[in-house]
Amino acid sequence: MKTVGLFLATNIAVLMVLSFTLQVFDVREMSGLLILALIIGMGGSFISLALSKWIAKISTGAQVIEEPSNRAEEWLVETVRRQASAAGIGMPEVAIYDSPDINAFATGMNRNNALVAVSSGLLHAMEQDEIEAVLAHEISHVANGDMVTLALIQGVVNVFVIVIARIIGMFVDRLVFKNERGFGIGYYVTSYLAEICLAILANIIVMWFSRQREFHADAGSARIEGANKMIRALQRLQMAHTGELPEQLSAFGIHGSKGTSLVQHLFMTHPPLEDRIEALQQNRYLSS
């Protein structure tokens, strides 16, 4: 998946904008705060989801193949069509973006209105059967509904972030700024800062989910094209020295970003390639 990072960045931006409306209502009761937090938190997440395909195209410069102009594009479109049929989803848009990186991503609001894009670097560096495995991995993300599930998880996380941030703001306003009436400047400043910090930390939960979904997408690719193809594709990525996708899109790519420290690991969108290869070799996740 190359777009989780982009989805998260967009979500935080939308969440901050929508959160301003929370102050307009001057909510003082917890029940009212919870209702508005639910509306804003889930709304921010699904607005980000609705924008994901458009933003992915803009940020990568991906060009959708409307009519194949050569045999390579024709093969690419027909491969995606065959795999989408095997996975039981609608035909996604197929796109190519110009980049030397070996990567691909899938995004979209639902199973029947998705986008699958591959880099020019992947098309040049991988063998045909390896490309088939990568495409099947991305198709599996779509078939598994990973973007919708991600949006739901992010929405729930958003609700907690909004509520906890404002509770922190209330405590600081009362205890530090000694404000006994209404909401003072301490509440507004603290709640906004707390919301940004908590939103970033809450991404640890989303990143854990993203890493788990990579194993399932690998297994989906193995079911469509065979485990050996997917293993070879991952081994090719191990040997390749490629750049990274834009930070906003890293989680939707085929290999994502690298991390070595514990903190980096917590924010990794993808499991280490060796762990993914081992899971395929041991037939893990294939039955799920």
Protein backbone atom coordinates (compact mmCIF):
# COMPACT_ATOMS: atom_id res chain seq x y z
CA MET A 1 0.00 0.00 0.00
CA LYS A 2 1.50 3.32 -1.01
CA THR A 3 -1.15 5.62 0.41
CA VAL A 4 -1.58 5.04 4.18
CA GLY A 5 0.88 7.84 4.94
CA LEU A 6 -0.97 10.13 2.56
CA PHE A 7 -4.29 9.10 4.08
CA LEU A 8 -2.98 9.80 7.59
CA ALA A 9 -1.53 13.19 6.64
CA THR A 10 -4.77 14.19 4.93
CA ASN A 11 -6.78 12.90 7.89
CA ILE A 12 -4.81 15.02 10.37
CA ALA A 13 -5.23 18.12 8.19
CA VAL A 14 -8.98 17.55 7.77
CA LEU A 15 -9.33 16.76 11.48
CA MET A 16 -7.69 20.05 12.45
CA VAL A 17 -9.98 22.00 10.14
CA LEU A 18 -13.13 20.26 11.35
CA SER A 19 -12.07 20.64 14.97
CA PHE A 20 -12.42 24.41 14.66
CA THR A 21 -16.16 23.86 14.29
CA LEU A 22 -16.20 22.14 17.67
CA GLN A 23 -15.29 25.42 19.34
CA VAL A 24 -18.17 27.23 17.65
CA PHE A 25 -20.64 25.14 19.63
CA ASP A 26 -18.90 25.93 22.93
CA VAL A 27 -19.66 22.41 24.15
CA ARG A 28 -19.63 22.09 27.94
CA GLU A 29 -21.34 18.76 28.49
CA MET A 30 -19.51 15.48 27.89
CA SER A 31 -22.46 14.00 25.99
CA GLY A 32 -22.41 16.86 23.50
CA LEU A 33 -18.64 16.62 23.16
CA LEU A 34 -18.85 12.89 22.42
CA ILE A 35 -21.51 13.40 19.75
CA LEU A 36 -19.57 16.14 17.98
CA ALA A 37 -16.30 14.20 18.34
CA LEU A 38 -17.96 11.21 16.70
CA ILE A 39 -19.25 13.33 13.80
CA ILE A 40 -15.96 15.16 13.29
CA GLY A 41 -13.69 12.17 13.93
CA MET A 42 -15.48 9.79 11.58
CA GLY A 43 -16.18 12.59 9.12
CA GLY A 44 -12.51 13.55 8.90
CA SER A 45 -11.52 9.96 8.30
CA PHE A 46 -14.01 9.33 5.52
CA ILE A 47 -13.35 12.67 3.83
CA SER A 48 -9.70 11.62 3.70
CA LEU A 49 -10.77 8.29 2.22
CA ALA A 50 -12.93 10.00 -0.40
CA LEU A 51 -10.00 12.19 -1.44
CA SER A 52 -7.40 9.40 -1.37
CA LYS A 53 -7.51 8.40 -5.04
CA TRP A 54 -7.44 11.98 -6.32
CA ILE A 55 -4.58 12.97 -3.99
CA ALA A 56 -2.61 9.83 -4.89
CA LYS A 57 -2.82 10.70 -8.59
CA ILE A 58 -1.78 14.29 -7.99
CA SER A 59 1.10 13.51 -5.63
CA THR A 60 2.68 10.83 -7.85
CA GLY A 61 1.70 12.16 -11.26
CA ALA A 62 0.12 8.78 -12.04
CA GLN A 63 -1.35 8.61 -15.53
CA VAL A 64 -4.42 6.40 -15.89
CA ILE A 65 -4.34 4.10 -18.91
CA GLU A 66 -7.54 4.99 -20.74
CA GLU A 67 -6.55 3.16 -23.90
CA PRO A 68 -3.37 1.02 -23.95
CA SER A 69 -0.81 2.59 -26.28
CA ASN A 70 1.53 -0.41 -26.48
CA ARG A 71 1.68 -4.12 -25.72
CA ALA A 72 3.16 -3.56 -22.26
CA GLU A 73 0.22 -1.37 -21.22
CA GLU A 74 -2.22 -3.80 -22.79
CA TRP A 75 -0.68 -6.68 -20.79
CA LEU A 76 -0.78 -4.59 -17.60
CA VAL A 77 -4.48 -3.74 -17.98
CA GLU A 78 -5.44 -7.31 -18.89
CA THR A 79 -3.48 -8.71 -15.92
CA VAL A 80 -5.30 -6.39 -13.52
CA ARG A 81 -8.62 -7.28 -15.17
CA ARG A 82 -7.95 -11.02 -14.74
CA GLN A 83 -6.87 -10.64 -11.12
CA ALA A 84 -9.80 -8.34 -10.25
CA SER A 85 -12.17 -10.95 -11.66
CA ALA A 86 -10.45 -13.69 -9.63
CA ALA A 87 -10.72 -11.55 -6.48
CA GLY A 88 -14.39 -10.73 -7.12
CA ILE A 89 -14.03 -6.95 -7.38
CA GLY A 90 -14.80 -4.37 -10.05
CA MET A 91 -12.14 -3.42 -12.56
CA PRO A 92 -9.89 -0.76 -10.98
CA GLU A 93 -8.34 2.13 -12.84
CA VAL A 94 -4.82 1.18 -13.90
CA ALA A 95 -2.09 3.82 -13.90
CA ILE A 96 1.66 4.21 -14.33
CA TYR A 97 3.71 6.89 -12.61
CA ASP A 98 7.20 7.93 -13.60
CA SER A 99 9.70 6.97 -10.89
CA PRO A 100 12.88 4.89 -10.72
CA ASP A 101 11.63 3.36 -7.45
CA ILE A 102 10.35 -0.20 -7.54
CA ASN A 103 6.90 0.27 -6.09
CA ALA A 104 3.15 0.11 -6.62
CA PHE A 105 0.05 1.15 -4.71
CA ALA A 106 -3.70 0.72 -4.58
CA THR A 107 -6.27 3.08 -3.16
CA GLY A 108 -9.91 4.02 -3.51
CA MET A 109 -13.12 4.39 -1.55
CA ASN A 110 -14.55 0.95 -2.26
CA ARG A 111 -13.86 -2.41 -3.86
CA ASN A 112 -15.46 -1.44 -7.16
CA ASN A 113 -13.97 2.03 -7.55
CA ALA A 114 -10.26 1.63 -6.90
CA LEU A 115 -6.96 2.65 -8.45
CA VAL A 116 -3.94 0.39 -8.96
CA ALA A 117 -0.74 2.16 -9.99
CA VAL A 118 2.77 0.92 -10.67
CA SER A 119 6.03 2.81 -11.07
CA SER A 120 7.98 2.80 -14.30
CA GLY A 121 10.92 1.54 -12.22
CA LEU A 122 8.97 -1.55 -11.20
CA LEU A 123 8.01 -2.33 -14.80
CA HIS A 124 11.66 -2.11 -15.89
CA ALA A 125 13.27 -3.91 -12.92
CA MET A 126 10.95 -6.87 -12.37
CA GLU A 127 10.23 -9.99 -14.38
CA GLN A 128 6.70 -10.48 -15.65
CA ASP A 129 5.74 -13.08 -13.05
CA GLU A 130 7.06 -10.82 -10.27
CA ILE A 131 4.98 -7.92 -11.58
CA GLU A 132 1.95 -10.21 -11.58
CA ALA A 133 2.57 -11.00 -7.91
CA VAL A 134 2.87 -7.30 -7.01
CA LEU A 135 -0.33 -6.47 -8.88
CA ALA A 136 -2.13 -9.33 -7.12
CA HIS A 137 -0.87 -7.97 -3.78
CA GLU A 138 -2.44 -4.58 -4.55
CA ILE A 139 -5.65 -6.17 -5.84
CA SER A 140 -5.83 -8.11 -2.57
CA HIS A 141 -5.67 -4.85 -0.60
CA VAL A 142 -8.72 -3.67 -2.56
CA ALA A 143 -10.56 -7.01 -2.25
CA ASN A 144 -9.88 -7.13 1.50
CA GLY A 145 -11.41 -3.67 1.93
CA ASP A 146 -8.28 -2.44 3.69
CA MET A 147 -8.88 1.24 2.94
CA VAL A 148 -12.41 1.20 4.33
CA THR A 149 -11.32 -0.72 7.41
CA LEU A 150 -8.44 1.73 7.85
CA ALA A 151 -10.89 4.62 7.65
CA LEU A 152 -13.08 3.04 10.33
CA ILE A 153 -10.13 2.46 12.64
CA GLN A 154 -8.83 5.97 12.01
CA GLY A 155 -12.29 7.38 12.69
CA VAL A 156 -12.50 5.66 16.09
CA VAL A 157 -8.98 6.86 16.90
CA ASN A 158 -9.97 10.39 15.90
CA VAL A 159 -12.89 10.38 18.33
CA PHE A 160 -10.61 9.44 21.24
CA VAL A 161 -8.04 12.05 20.16
CA ILE A 162 -10.64 14.84 20.05
CA VAL A 163 -12.20 13.97 23.40
CA ILE A 164 -8.95 13.36 25.31
CA ALA A 165 -7.34 16.50 23.87
CA ARG A 166 -10.22 18.63 25.14
CA ILE A 167 -10.20 16.98 28.54
CA ILE A 168 -6.48 17.82 28.79
CA GLY A 169 -7.30 21.38 27.69
CA MET A 170 -9.94 21.70 30.41
CA PHE A 171 -7.57 20.49 33.13
CA VAL A 172 -4.78 22.86 32.04
CA ASP A 173 -7.24 25.75 31.80
CA ARG A 174 -8.54 25.11 35.31
CA LEU A 175 -5.39 24.03 37.15
CA VAL A 176 -2.65 26.04 35.44
CA PHE A 177 -4.46 29.14 34.20
CA LYS A 178 -6.94 29.13 37.14
CA ASN A 179 -9.84 29.85 34.82
CA GLU A 180 -13.06 29.09 36.68
CA ARG A 181 -15.59 30.21 34.07
CA GLY A 182 -16.05 29.08 30.50
CA PHE A 183 -13.08 28.25 28.35
CA GLY A 184 -10.01 30.48 28.37
CA ILE A 185 -6.99 30.76 26.09
CA GLY A 186 -5.30 27.95 27.99
CA TYR A 187 -8.04 25.55 26.95
CA TYR A 188 -7.91 26.43 23.25
CA VAL A 189 -4.13 26.41 22.90
CA THR A 190 -3.64 23.26 24.98
CA SER A 191 -6.43 21.29 23.31
CA TYR A 192 -5.15 22.05 19.81
CA LEU A 193 -1.55 21.18 20.69
CA ALA A 194 -2.68 18.03 22.49
CA GLU A 195 -4.80 17.04 19.51
CA ILE A 196 -1.86 17.28 17.11
CA CYS A 197 0.43 15.29 19.43
CA LEU A 198 -2.19 12.65 20.19
CA ALA A 199 -3.07 12.30 16.49
CA ILE A 200 0.56 11.55 15.69
CA LEU A 201 0.89 9.05 18.55
CA ALA A 202 -2.43 7.43 17.64
CA ASN A 203 -0.95 6.61 14.25
CA ILE A 204 0.98 3.82 16.01
CA ILE A 205 -2.32 1.93 16.15
CA VAL A 206 -3.01 2.52 12.47
CA MET A 207 0.54 1.54 11.52
CA TRP A 208 0.20 -1.74 13.42
CA PHE A 209 -2.95 -2.48 11.46
CA SER A 210 -1.21 -1.55 8.21
CA ARG A 211 1.61 -4.01 8.91
CA GLN A 212 -0.87 -6.82 9.59
CA ARG A 213 -2.75 -6.11 6.38
CA GLU A 214 0.48 -6.48 4.38
CA PHE A 215 0.74 -10.11 5.46
CA HIS A 216 -2.84 -10.71 4.37
CA ALA A 217 -2.28 -8.96 1.02
CA ASP A 218 0.80 -11.14 0.44
CA ALA A 219 -1.34 -14.19 1.18
CA GLY A 220 -3.99 -12.90 -1.23
CA SER A 221 -1.34 -12.58 -3.93
CA ALA A 222 -0.20 -16.13 -3.19
CA ARG A 223 -3.75 -17.40 -3.66
CA ILE A 224 -4.14 -15.61 -7.01
CA GLU A 225 -0.69 -16.07 -8.54
CA GLY A 226 1.10 -18.57 -6.30
CA ALA A 227 3.34 -18.12 -3.26
CA ASN A 228 6.57 -18.61 -5.22
CA LYS A 229 5.85 -15.58 -7.42
CA MET A 230 5.24 -13.35 -4.41
CA ILE A 231 8.35 -14.64 -2.65
CA ARG A 232 10.46 -13.88 -5.72
CA ALA A 233 8.96 -10.40 -5.94
CA LEU A 234 9.83 -9.70 -2.29
CA GLN A 235 13.32 -11.10 -2.78
CA ARG A 236 13.74 -8.77 -5.76
CA LEU A 237 12.82 -5.86 -3.49
CA GLN A 238 15.43 -7.03 -0.98
CA MET A 239 18.13 -6.87 -3.64
CA ALA A 240 17.01 -3.57 -5.11
CA HIS A 241 18.39 -0.27 -3.87
CA THR A 242 15.40 1.98 -4.38
CA GLY A 243 14.26 5.30 -3.01
CA GLU A 244 11.18 5.64 -0.88
CA LEU A 245 7.70 6.72 -1.82
CA PRO A 246 6.51 10.13 -0.67
CA GLU A 247 6.00 9.99 3.09
CA GLN A 248 2.28 10.55 2.64
CA LEU A 249 1.95 7.45 0.47
CA SER A 250 4.40 5.03 2.03
CA ALA A 251 1.86 2.72 3.63
CA PHE A 252 0.10 1.93 0.38
CA GLY A 253 3.21 0.85 -1.46
CA ILE A 254 4.47 -2.68 -1.93
CA HIS A 255 7.44 -2.26 0.39
CA GLY A 256 7.01 1.02 2.29
CA SER A 257 9.67 2.74 4.35
CA LYS A 258 12.49 1.30 6.40
CA GLY A 259 12.89 1.51 10.15
CA THR A 260 15.53 0.24 12.52
CA SER A 261 14.94 1.68 15.98
CA LEU A 262 12.00 0.76 18.21
CA VAL A 263 10.37 4.13 17.56
CA GLN A 264 10.86 3.76 13.82
CA HIS A 265 9.43 0.25 13.97
CA LEU A 266 6.28 1.50 15.70
CA PHE A 267 5.65 3.90 12.82
CA MET A 268 6.57 1.49 10.01
CA THR A 269 3.78 0.92 7.51
CA HIS A 270 5.20 -2.43 6.38
CA PRO A 271 6.75 -5.42 8.14
CA PRO A 272 10.38 -6.22 7.26
CA LEU A 273 10.66 -8.01 3.92
CA GLU A 274 12.31 -11.02 5.54
CA ASP A 275 9.31 -11.45 7.86
CA ARG A 276 6.93 -11.34 4.91
CA ILE A 277 8.96 -13.90 3.00
CA GLU A 278 9.08 -16.18 6.03
CA ALA A 279 5.30 -15.91 6.48
CA LEU A 280 4.75 -16.99 2.88
CA GLN A 281 7.25 -19.83 3.13
CA GLN A 282 5.48 -21.12 6.23
CA ASN A 283 2.02 -20.67 4.70
CA ARG A 284 0.90 -18.27 7.41
CA TYR A 285 -2.23 -16.19 6.78
CA LEU A 286 -3.16 -18.29 3.72
CA SER A 287 -6.20 -19.73 5.48
CA SER A 288 -7.46 -16.36 6.74
